[in-house]
């Protein structure tokens, strides 16, 4: 019984690994996009002005969601119908 339980947990863990890796990739890509957007908007600023702007920009939840949406849309290329809907829902929640 223990062997079956352990085997089941190992299989479940292996099945979950790609999902967590994909979530991490989406988060990293969204963060990179956000950083690029904020850097572009901060052009010409220096010192404390730039530091304050970047801090505010990087904490902007609406901008974060937009970047995540871009990444998820890109990753959903080729998916359609219910498959795309499910993928986008999962992706945007990560």
PDB file of N, CA and C in Angstrom:
ATOM      1  N   UNK A   1       0.828  -1.197   0.000  1.00  0.00           N
ATOM      2  CA  UNK A   1       0.000   0.000   0.000  1.00  0.00           C
ATOM      3  C   UNK A   1       0.866   1.252   0.000  1.00  0.00           C
ATOM      4  N   UNK A   2       1.944   1.232   0.801  1.00  0.00           N
ATOM      5  CA  UNK A   2       2.834   2.388   0.845  1.00  0.00           C
ATOM      6  C   UNK A   2       3.490   2.635  -0.502  1.00  0.00           C
ATOM      7  N   UNK A   3       3.863   1.542  -1.182  1.00  0.00           N
ATOM      8  CA  UNK A   3       4.517   1.678  -2.489  1.00  0.00           C
ATOM      9  C   UNK A   3       3.576   2.323  -3.492  1.00  0.00           C
ATOM     10  N   UNK A   4       2.309   1.958  -3.452  1.00  0.00           N
ATOM     11  CA  UNK A   4       1.328   2.531  -4.374  1.00  0.00           C
ATOM     12  C   UNK A   4       1.145   4.015  -4.078  1.00  0.00           C
ATOM     13  N   UNK A   5       1.044   4.350  -2.813  1.00  0.00           N
ATOM     14  CA  UNK A   5       0.879   5.745  -2.413  1.00  0.00           C
ATOM     15  C   UNK A   5       2.082   6.576  -2.828  1.00  0.00           C
ATOM     16  N   UNK A   6       3.271   6.067  -2.569  1.00  0.00           N
ATOM     17  CA  UNK A   6       4.497   6.788  -2.946  1.00  0.00           C
ATOM     18  C   UNK A   6       4.589   6.935  -4.458  1.00  0.00           C
ATOM     19  N   UNK A   7       4.271   5.871  -5.193  1.00  0.00           N
ATOM     20  CA  UNK A   7       4.296   5.928  -6.657  1.00  0.00           C
ATOM     21  C   UNK A   7       3.323   6.975  -7.176  1.00  0.00           C
ATOM     22  N   UNK A   8       2.136   7.008  -6.578  1.00  0.00           N
ATOM     23  CA  UNK A   8       1.129   7.987  -6.986  1.00  0.00           C
ATOM     24  C   UNK A   8       1.587   9.410  -6.734  1.00  0.00           C
ATOM     25  N   UNK A   9       2.223   9.641  -5.606  1.00  0.00           N
ATOM     26  CA  UNK A   9       2.724  10.984  -5.282  1.00  0.00           C
ATOM     27  C   UNK A   9       3.844  11.394  -6.229  1.00  0.00           C
ATOM     28  N   UNK A  10       4.697  10.448  -6.587  1.00  0.00           N
ATOM     29  CA  UNK A  10       5.787  10.757  -7.524  1.00  0.00           C
ATOM     30  C   UNK A  10       5.247  11.111  -8.902  1.00  0.00           C
ATOM     31  N   UNK A  11       4.254  10.366  -9.346  1.00  0.00           N
ATOM     32  CA  UNK A  11       3.643  10.648 -10.649  1.00  0.00           C
ATOM     33  C   UNK A  11       2.960  12.015 -10.620  1.00  0.00           C
ATOM     34  N   UNK A  12       2.236  12.293  -9.547  1.00  0.00           N
ATOM     35  CA  UNK A  12       1.556  13.583  -9.405  1.00  0.00           C
ATOM     36  C   UNK A  12       2.572  14.724  -9.392  1.00  0.00           C
ATOM     37  N   UNK A  13       3.648  14.548  -8.655  1.00  0.00           N
ATOM     38  CA  UNK A  13       4.696  15.576  -8.601  1.00  0.00           C
ATOM     39  C   UNK A  13       5.323  15.810  -9.959  1.00  0.00           C
ATOM     40  N   UNK A  14       5.573  14.751 -10.701  1.00  0.00           N
ATOM     41  CA  UNK A  14       6.160  14.878 -12.036  1.00  0.00           C
ATOM     42  C   UNK A  14       5.193  15.578 -12.982  1.00  0.00           C
ATOM     43  N   UNK A  15       3.907  15.295 -12.831  1.00  0.00           N
ATOM     44  CA  UNK A  15       2.908  15.925 -13.695  1.00  0.00           C
ATOM     45  C   UNK A  15       2.767  17.405 -13.391  1.00  0.00           C
ATOM     46  N   UNK A  16       2.961  17.806 -12.147  1.00  0.00           N
ATOM     47  CA  UNK A  16       2.811  19.200 -11.742  1.00  0.00           C
ATOM     48  C   UNK A  16       4.026  20.051 -12.096  1.00  0.00           C
ATOM     49  N   UNK A  17       5.191  19.452 -12.231  1.00  0.00           N
ATOM     50  CA  UNK A  17       6.425  20.199 -12.478  1.00  0.00           C
ATOM     51  C   UNK A  17       6.337  21.101 -13.703  1.00  0.00           C
ATOM     52  N   UNK A  18       5.848  20.628 -14.860  1.00  0.00           N
ATOM     53  CA  UNK A  18       5.763  21.523 -16.014  1.00  0.00           C
ATOM     54  C   UNK A  18       4.830  22.704 -15.797  1.00  0.00           C
ATOM     55  N   UNK A  19       3.763  22.513 -15.025  1.00  0.00           N
ATOM     56  CA  UNK A  19       2.829  23.611 -14.756  1.00  0.00           C
ATOM     57  C   UNK A  19       3.530  24.698 -13.959  1.00  0.00           C
ATOM     58  N   UNK A  20       4.257  24.312 -12.913  1.00  0.00           N
ATOM     59  CA  UNK A  20       4.957  25.299 -12.102  1.00  0.00           C
ATOM     60  C   UNK A  20       6.051  25.990 -12.912  1.00  0.00           C
ATOM     61  N   UNK A  21       6.736  25.265 -13.761  1.00  0.00           N
ATOM     62  CA  UNK A  21       7.772  25.852 -14.603  1.00  0.00           C
ATOM     63  C   UNK A  21       7.149  26.861 -15.564  1.00  0.00           C
ATOM     64  N   UNK A  22       5.997  26.523 -16.127  1.00  0.00           N
ATOM     65  CA  UNK A  22       5.315  27.435 -17.053  1.00  0.00           C
ATOM     66  C   UNK A  22       4.856  28.688 -16.326  1.00  0.00           C
ATOM     67  N   UNK A  23       4.329  28.524 -15.096  1.00  0.00           N
ATOM     68  CA  UNK A  23       3.902  29.677 -14.306  1.00  0.00           C
ATOM     69  C   UNK A  23       5.078  30.605 -14.036  1.00  0.00           C
ATOM     70  N   UNK A  24       6.230  30.018 -13.709  1.00  0.00           N
ATOM     71  CA  UNK A  24       7.421  30.806 -13.419  1.00  0.00           C
ATOM     72  C   UNK A  24       7.873  31.560 -14.673  1.00  0.00           C
ATOM     73  N   UNK A  25       7.807  30.905 -15.824  1.00  0.00           N
ATOM     74  CA  UNK A  25       8.205  31.531 -17.085  1.00  0.00           C
ATOM     75  C   UNK A  25       7.291  32.704 -17.411  1.00  0.00           C
ATOM     76  N   UNK A  26       5.990  32.532 -17.222  1.00  0.00           N
ATOM     77  CA  UNK A  26       5.035  33.621 -17.473  1.00  0.00           C
ATOM     78  C   UNK A  26       5.326  34.794 -16.559  1.00  0.00           C
ATOM     79  N   UNK A  27       5.554  34.510 -15.288  1.00  0.00           N
ATOM     80  CA  UNK A  27       5.841  35.579 -14.331  1.00  0.00           C
ATOM     81  C   UNK A  27       7.126  36.311 -14.692  1.00  0.00           C
ATOM     82  N   UNK A  28       8.151  35.565 -15.082  1.00  0.00           N
ATOM     83  CA  UNK A  28       9.419  36.196 -15.462  1.00  0.00           C
ATOM     84  C   UNK A  28       9.250  37.033 -16.722  1.00  0.00           C
ATOM     85  N   UNK A  29       8.533  36.497 -17.711  1.00  0.00           N
ATOM     86  CA  UNK A  29       8.326  37.235 -18.953  1.00  0.00           C
ATOM     87  C   UNK A  29       7.517  38.504 -18.716  1.00  0.00           C
ATOM     88  N   UNK A  30       6.493  38.409 -17.891  1.00  0.00           N
ATOM     89  CA  UNK A  30       5.681  39.580 -17.568  1.00  0.00           C
ATOM     90  C   UNK A  30       6.515  40.618 -16.830  1.00  0.00           C
ATOM     91  N   UNK A  31       7.357  40.165 -15.898  1.00  0.00           N
ATOM     92  CA  UNK A  31       8.223  41.087 -15.158  1.00  0.00           C
ATOM     93  C   UNK A  31       9.220  41.756 -16.093  1.00  0.00           C
ATOM     94  N   UNK A  32       9.778  40.995 -17.027  1.00  0.00           N
ATOM     95  CA  UNK A  32      10.732  41.555 -17.986  1.00  0.00           C
ATOM     96  C   UNK A  32      10.046  42.590 -18.873  1.00  0.00           C
ATOM     97  N   UNK A  33       8.828  42.294 -19.314  1.00  0.00           N
ATOM     98  CA  UNK A  33       8.071  43.244 -20.134  1.00  0.00           C
ATOM     99  C   UNK A  33       7.746  44.503 -19.363  1.00  0.00           C
ATOM    100  N   UNK A  34       7.379  44.329 -18.104  1.00  0.00           N
ATOM    101  CA  UNK A  34       7.065  45.471 -17.246  1.00  0.00           C
ATOM    102  C   UNK A  34       8.297  46.348 -17.058  1.00  0.00           C
ATOM    103  N   UNK A  35       9.432  45.706 -16.796  1.00  0.00           N
ATOM    104  CA  UNK A  35      10.683  46.449 -16.609  1.00  0.00           C
ATOM    105  C   UNK A  35      11.040  47.222 -17.885  1.00  0.00           C
ATOM    106  N   UNK A  36      10.878  46.592 -19.035  1.00  0.00           N
ATOM    107  CA  UNK A  36      11.184  47.257 -20.300  1.00  0.00           C
ATOM    108  C   UNK A  36      10.269  48.461 -20.521  1.00  0.00           C
ATOM    109  N   UNK A  37       8.986  48.288 -20.230  1.00  0.00           N
ATOM    110  CA  UNK A  37       8.026  49.386 -20.387  1.00  0.00           C
ATOM    111  C   UNK A  37       8.364  50.548 -19.458  1.00  0.00           C
ATOM    112  N   UNK A  38       8.640  50.236 -18.198  1.00  0.00           N
ATOM    113  CA  UNK A  38       8.968  51.283 -17.225  1.00  0.00           C
ATOM    114  C   UNK A  38      10.272  51.982 -17.605  1.00  0.00           C
ATOM    115  N   UNK A  39      11.282  51.218 -18.033  1.00  0.00           N
ATOM    116  CA  UNK A  39      12.550  51.818 -18.454  1.00  0.00           C
ATOM    117  C   UNK A  39      12.352  52.763 -19.629  1.00  0.00           C
ATOM    118  N   UNK A  40      11.535  52.344 -20.588  1.00  0.00           N
ATOM    119  CA  UNK A  40      11.276  53.190 -21.757  1.00  0.00           C
ATOM    120  C   UNK A  40      10.603  54.501 -21.337  1.00  0.00           C
ATOM    121  N   UNK A  41       9.645  54.393 -20.429  1.00  0.00           N
ATOM    122  CA  UNK A  41       8.927  55.579 -19.971  1.00  0.00           C
ATOM    123  C   UNK A  41       9.784  56.481 -19.077  1.00  0.00           C
ATOM    124  N   UNK A  42      10.865  55.943 -18.522  1.00  0.00           N
ATOM    125  CA  UNK A  42      11.733  56.722 -17.626  1.00  0.00           C
ATOM    126  C   UNK A  42      12.894  57.381 -18.366  1.00  0.00           C
ATOM    127  N   UNK A  43      12.913  57.272 -19.685  1.00  0.00           N
ATOM    128  CA  UNK A  43      14.005  57.880 -20.455  1.00  0.00           C
ATOM    129  C   UNK A  43      14.123  59.368 -20.133  1.00  0.00           C
ATOM    130  N   UNK A  44      15.344  59.820 -19.913  1.00  0.00           N
ATOM    131  CA  UNK A  44      15.602  61.223 -19.625  1.00  0.00           C
ATOM    132  C   UNK A  44      15.566  61.568 -18.144  1.00  0.00           C
ATOM    133  N   UNK A  45      15.046  60.658 -17.327  1.00  0.00           N
ATOM    134  CA  UNK A  45      15.005  60.906 -15.882  1.00  0.00           C
ATOM    135  C   UNK A  45      16.311  60.429 -15.255  1.00  0.00           C
ATOM    136  N   UNK A  46      16.698  61.108 -14.181  1.00  0.00           N
ATOM    137  CA  UNK A  46      17.930  60.732 -13.489  1.00  0.00           C
ATOM    138  C   UNK A  46      17.727  60.835 -11.981  1.00  0.00           C
ATOM    139  N   UNK A  47      18.586  60.146 -11.258  1.00  0.00           N
ATOM    140  CA  UNK A  47      18.628  60.256  -9.802  1.00  0.00           C
ATOM    141  C   UNK A  47      17.341  59.866  -9.112  1.00  0.00           C
ATOM    142  N   UNK A  48      16.978  60.677  -8.128  1.00  0.00           N
ATOM    143  CA  UNK A  48      15.794  60.388  -7.305  1.00  0.00           C
ATOM    144  C   UNK A  48      14.506  60.392  -8.122  1.00  0.00           C
ATOM    145  N   UNK A  49      14.436  61.249  -9.131  1.00  0.00           N
ATOM    146  CA  UNK A  49      13.236  61.299  -9.969  1.00  0.00           C
ATOM    147  C   UNK A  49      13.026  59.942 -10.655  1.00  0.00           C
ATOM    148  N   UNK A  50      14.104  59.391 -11.232  1.00  0.00           N
ATOM    149  CA  UNK A  50      14.018  58.090 -11.912  1.00  0.00           C
ATOM    150  C   UNK A  50      13.698  56.977 -10.913  1.00  0.00           C
ATOM    151  N   UNK A  51      14.349  57.012  -9.769  1.00  0.00           N
ATOM    152  CA  UNK A  51      14.140  55.990  -8.742  1.00  0.00           C
ATOM    153  C   UNK A  51      12.679  55.972  -8.287  1.00  0.00           C
ATOM    154  N   UNK A  52      12.121  57.141  -8.021  1.00  0.00           N
ATOM    155  CA  UNK A  52      10.730  57.242  -7.594  1.00  0.00           C
ATOM    156  C   UNK A  52       9.785  56.778  -8.696  1.00  0.00           C
ATOM    157  N   UNK A  53      10.055  57.216  -9.931  1.00  0.00           N
ATOM    158  CA  UNK A  53       9.210  56.818 -11.055  1.00  0.00           C
ATOM    159  C   UNK A  53       9.228  55.304 -11.241  1.00  0.00           C
ATOM    160  N   UNK A  54      10.419  54.702 -11.238  1.00  0.00           N
ATOM    161  CA  UNK A  54      10.545  53.259 -11.452  1.00  0.00           C
ATOM    162  C   UNK A  54       9.826  52.481 -10.348  1.00  0.00           C
ATOM    163  N   UNK A  55       9.955  52.922  -9.127  1.00  0.00           N
ATOM    164  CA  UNK A  55       9.287  52.258  -8.010  1.00  0.00           C
ATOM    165  C   UNK A  55       7.773  52.277  -8.203  1.00  0.00           C
ATOM    166  N   UNK A  56       7.239  53.422  -8.562  1.00  0.00           N
ATOM    167  CA  UNK A  56       5.798  53.561  -8.782  1.00  0.00           C
ATOM    168  C   UNK A  56       5.354  52.739  -9.988  1.00  0.00           C
ATOM    169  N   UNK A  57       6.109  52.829 -11.064  1.00  0.00           N
ATOM    170  CA  UNK A  57       5.769  52.123 -12.299  1.00  0.00           C
ATOM    171  C   UNK A  57       5.759  50.605 -12.087  1.00  0.00           C
ATOM    172  N   UNK A  58       6.787  50.092 -11.421  1.00  0.00           N
ATOM    173  CA  UNK A  58       6.901  48.643 -11.228  1.00  0.00           C
ATOM    174  C   UNK A  58       5.846  48.084 -10.269  1.00  0.00           C
ATOM    175  N   UNK A  59       5.268  48.937  -9.456  1.00  0.00           N
ATOM    176  CA  UNK A  59       4.231  48.472  -8.534  1.00  0.00           C
ATOM    177  C   UNK A  59       2.823  48.673  -9.095  1.00  0.00           C
ATOM    178  N   UNK A  60       2.707  49.177 -10.312  1.00  0.00           N
ATOM    179  CA  UNK A  60       1.430  49.447 -10.951  1.00  0.00           C
ATOM    180  C   UNK A  60       0.741  48.129 -11.326  1.00  0.00           C
ATOM    181  N   UNK A  61      -0.339  47.775 -10.628  1.00  0.00           N
ATOM    182  CA  UNK A  61      -1.031  46.506 -10.846  1.00  0.00           C
ATOM    183  C   UNK A  61      -1.672  46.423 -12.230  1.00  0.00           C
ATOM    184  N   UNK A  62      -2.197  47.533 -12.723  1.00  0.00           N
ATOM    185  CA  UNK A  62      -2.836  47.523 -14.036  1.00  0.00           C
ATOM    186  C   UNK A  62      -1.800  47.243 -15.118  1.00  0.00           C
ATOM    187  N   UNK A  63      -0.646  47.861 -15.005  1.00  0.00           N
ATOM    188  CA  UNK A  63       0.418  47.643 -15.980  1.00  0.00           C
ATOM    189  C   UNK A  63       0.926  46.210 -15.896  1.00  0.00           C
ATOM    190  N   UNK A  64       1.027  45.665 -14.688  1.00  0.00           N
ATOM    191  CA  UNK A  64       1.443  44.263 -14.508  1.00  0.00           C
ATOM    192  C   UNK A  64       0.476  43.326 -15.232  1.00  0.00           C
ATOM    193  N   UNK A  65      -0.816  43.569 -15.081  1.00  0.00           N
ATOM    194  CA  UNK A  65      -1.836  42.726 -15.710  1.00  0.00           C
ATOM    195  C   UNK A  65      -1.750  42.818 -17.228  1.00  0.00           C
ATOM    196  N   UNK A  66      -1.483  44.010 -17.753  1.00  0.00           N
ATOM    197  CA  UNK A  66      -1.347  44.179 -19.201  1.00  0.00           C
ATOM    198  C   UNK A  66      -0.156  43.380 -19.731  1.00  0.00           C
ATOM    199  N   UNK A  67       0.953  43.427 -19.009  1.00  0.00           N
ATOM    200  CA  UNK A  67       2.140  42.680 -19.427  1.00  0.00           C
ATOM    201  C   UNK A  67       1.872  41.179 -19.375  1.00  0.00           C
ATOM    202  N   UNK A  68       1.181  40.736 -18.329  1.00  0.00           N
ATOM    203  CA  UNK A  68       0.863  39.314 -18.206  1.00  0.00           C
ATOM    204  C   UNK A  68      -0.052  38.887 -19.353  1.00  0.00           C
ATOM    205  N   UNK A  69      -1.008  39.737 -19.714  1.00  0.00           N
ATOM    206  CA  UNK A  69      -1.929  39.437 -20.806  1.00  0.00           C
ATOM    207  C   UNK A  69      -1.166  39.289 -22.129  1.00  0.00           C
ATOM    208  N   UNK A  70      -0.181  40.155 -22.355  1.00  0.00           N
ATOM    209  CA  UNK A  70       0.638  40.055 -23.572  1.00  0.00           C
ATOM    210  C   UNK A  70       1.364  38.721 -23.634  1.00  0.00           C
ATOM    211  N   UNK A  71       1.980  38.340 -22.526  1.00  0.00           N
ATOM    212  CA  UNK A  71       2.737  37.084 -22.479  1.00  0.00           C
ATOM    213  C   UNK A  71       1.804  35.891 -22.681  1.00  0.00           C
ATOM    214  N   UNK A  72       0.665  35.899 -22.002  1.00  0.00           N
ATOM    215  CA  UNK A  72      -0.275  34.790 -22.128  1.00  0.00           C
ATOM    216  C   UNK A  72      -0.829  34.689 -23.552  1.00  0.00           C
ATOM    217  N   UNK A  73      -1.156  35.822 -24.159  1.00  0.00           N
ATOM    218  CA  UNK A  73      -1.643  35.816 -25.546  1.00  0.00           C
ATOM    219  C   UNK A  73      -0.606  35.245 -26.496  1.00  0.00           C
ATOM    220  N   UNK A  74       0.647  35.626 -26.290  1.00  0.00           N
ATOM    221  CA  UNK A  74       1.718  35.103 -27.135  1.00  0.00           C
ATOM    222  C   UNK A  74       1.837  33.593 -26.964  1.00  0.00           C
ATOM    223  N   UNK A  75       1.788  33.130 -25.723  1.00  0.00           N
ATOM    224  CA  UNK A  75       1.920  31.698 -25.449  1.00  0.00           C
ATOM    225  C   UNK A  75       0.698  30.899 -25.888  1.00  0.00           C
ATOM    226  N   UNK A  76      -0.440  31.556 -26.072  1.00  0.00           N
ATOM    227  CA  UNK A  76      -1.667  30.868 -26.476  1.00  0.00           C
ATOM    228  C   UNK A  76      -1.802  30.760 -27.993  1.00  0.00           C
ATOM    229  N   UNK A  77      -0.810  31.257 -28.725  1.00  0.00           N
ATOM    230  CA  UNK A  77      -0.860  31.185 -30.188  1.00  0.00           C
ATOM    231  C   UNK A  77      -1.046  29.735 -30.620  1.00  0.00           C
ATOM    232  N   UNK A  78      -1.967  29.508 -31.525  1.00  0.00           N
ATOM    233  CA  UNK A  78      -2.223  28.160 -32.023  1.00  0.00           C
ATOM    234  C   UNK A  78      -3.309  27.422 -31.271  1.00  0.00           C
ATOM    235  N   UNK A  79      -3.730  27.954 -30.141  1.00  0.00           N
ATOM    236  CA  UNK A  79      -4.806  27.318 -29.370  1.00  0.00           C
ATOM    237  C   UNK A  79      -6.126  27.988 -29.763  1.00  0.00           C
ATOM    238  N   UNK A  80      -7.202  27.220 -29.705  1.00  0.00           N
ATOM    239  CA  UNK A  80      -8.501  27.776 -30.078  1.00  0.00           C
ATOM    240  C   UNK A  80      -9.593  27.197 -29.183  1.00  0.00           C
ATOM    241  N   UNK A  81     -10.703  27.885 -29.157  1.00  0.00           N
ATOM    242  CA  UNK A  81     -11.878  27.400 -28.449  1.00  0.00           C
ATOM    243  C   UNK A  81     -11.664  27.201 -26.964  1.00  0.00           C
ATOM    244  N   UNK A  82     -12.182  26.092 -26.471  1.00  0.00           N
ATOM    245  CA  UNK A  82     -12.126  25.781 -25.039  1.00  0.00           C
ATOM    246  C   UNK A  82     -10.688  25.611 -24.558  1.00  0.00           C
ATOM    247  N   UNK A  83      -9.833  25.069 -25.419  1.00  0.00           N
ATOM    248  CA  UNK A  83      -8.416  24.874 -25.061  1.00  0.00           C
ATOM    249  C   UNK A  83      -7.755  26.228 -24.780  1.00  0.00           C
ATOM    250  N   UNK A  84      -8.020  27.221 -25.638  1.00  0.00           N
ATOM    251  CA  UNK A  84      -7.450  28.560 -25.445  1.00  0.00           C
ATOM    252  C   UNK A  84      -8.025  29.211 -24.183  1.00  0.00           C
ATOM    253  N   UNK A  85      -9.335  29.075 -24.004  1.00  0.00           N
ATOM    254  CA  UNK A  85     -10.005  29.676 -22.846  1.00  0.00           C
ATOM    255  C   UNK A  85      -9.413  29.133 -21.540  1.00  0.00           C
ATOM    256  N   UNK A  86      -9.244  27.816 -21.481  1.00  0.00           N
ATOM    257  CA  UNK A  86      -8.680  27.184 -20.292  1.00  0.00           C
ATOM    258  C   UNK A  86      -7.235  27.628 -20.080  1.00  0.00           C
ATOM    259  N   UNK A  87      -6.454  27.651 -21.172  1.00  0.00           N
ATOM    260  CA  UNK A  87      -5.057  28.070 -21.070  1.00  0.00           C
ATOM    261  C   UNK A  87      -4.951  29.501 -20.563  1.00  0.00           C
ATOM    262  N   UNK A  88      -5.722  30.417 -21.138  1.00  0.00           N
ATOM    263  CA  UNK A  88      -5.665  31.823 -20.744  1.00  0.00           C
ATOM    264  C   UNK A  88      -6.078  32.001 -19.281  1.00  0.00           C
ATOM    265  N   UNK A  89      -7.094  31.294 -18.854  1.00  0.00           N
ATOM    266  CA  UNK A  89      -7.528  31.387 -17.478  1.00  0.00           C
ATOM    267  C   UNK A  89      -6.426  30.962 -16.522  1.00  0.00           C
ATOM    268  N   UNK A  90      -5.810  29.836 -16.811  1.00  0.00           N
ATOM    269  CA  UNK A  90      -4.721  29.325 -15.979  1.00  0.00           C
ATOM    270  C   UNK A  90      -3.532  30.262 -16.017  1.00  0.00           C
ATOM    271  N   UNK A  91      -3.185  30.724 -17.201  1.00  0.00           N
ATOM    272  CA  UNK A  91      -2.026  31.603 -17.374  1.00  0.00           C
ATOM    273  C   UNK A  91      -2.198  32.912 -16.615  1.00  0.00           C
ATOM    274  N   UNK A  92      -3.351  33.523 -16.712  1.00  0.00           N
ATOM    275  CA  UNK A  92      -3.565  34.822 -16.064  1.00  0.00           C
ATOM    276  C   UNK A  92      -3.661  34.712 -14.546  1.00  0.00           C
ATOM    277  N   UNK A  93      -3.977  33.534 -14.035  1.00  0.00           N
ATOM    278  CA  UNK A  93      -4.034  33.337 -12.589  1.00  0.00           C
ATOM    279  C   UNK A  93      -2.655  33.108 -11.987  1.00  0.00           C
ATOM    280  N   UNK A  94      -1.692  32.735 -12.824  1.00  0.00           N
ATOM    281  CA  UNK A  94      -0.361  32.411 -12.291  1.00  0.00           C
ATOM    282  C   UNK A  94       0.386  33.657 -11.878  1.00  0.00           C
TER     283      UNK A  94
END
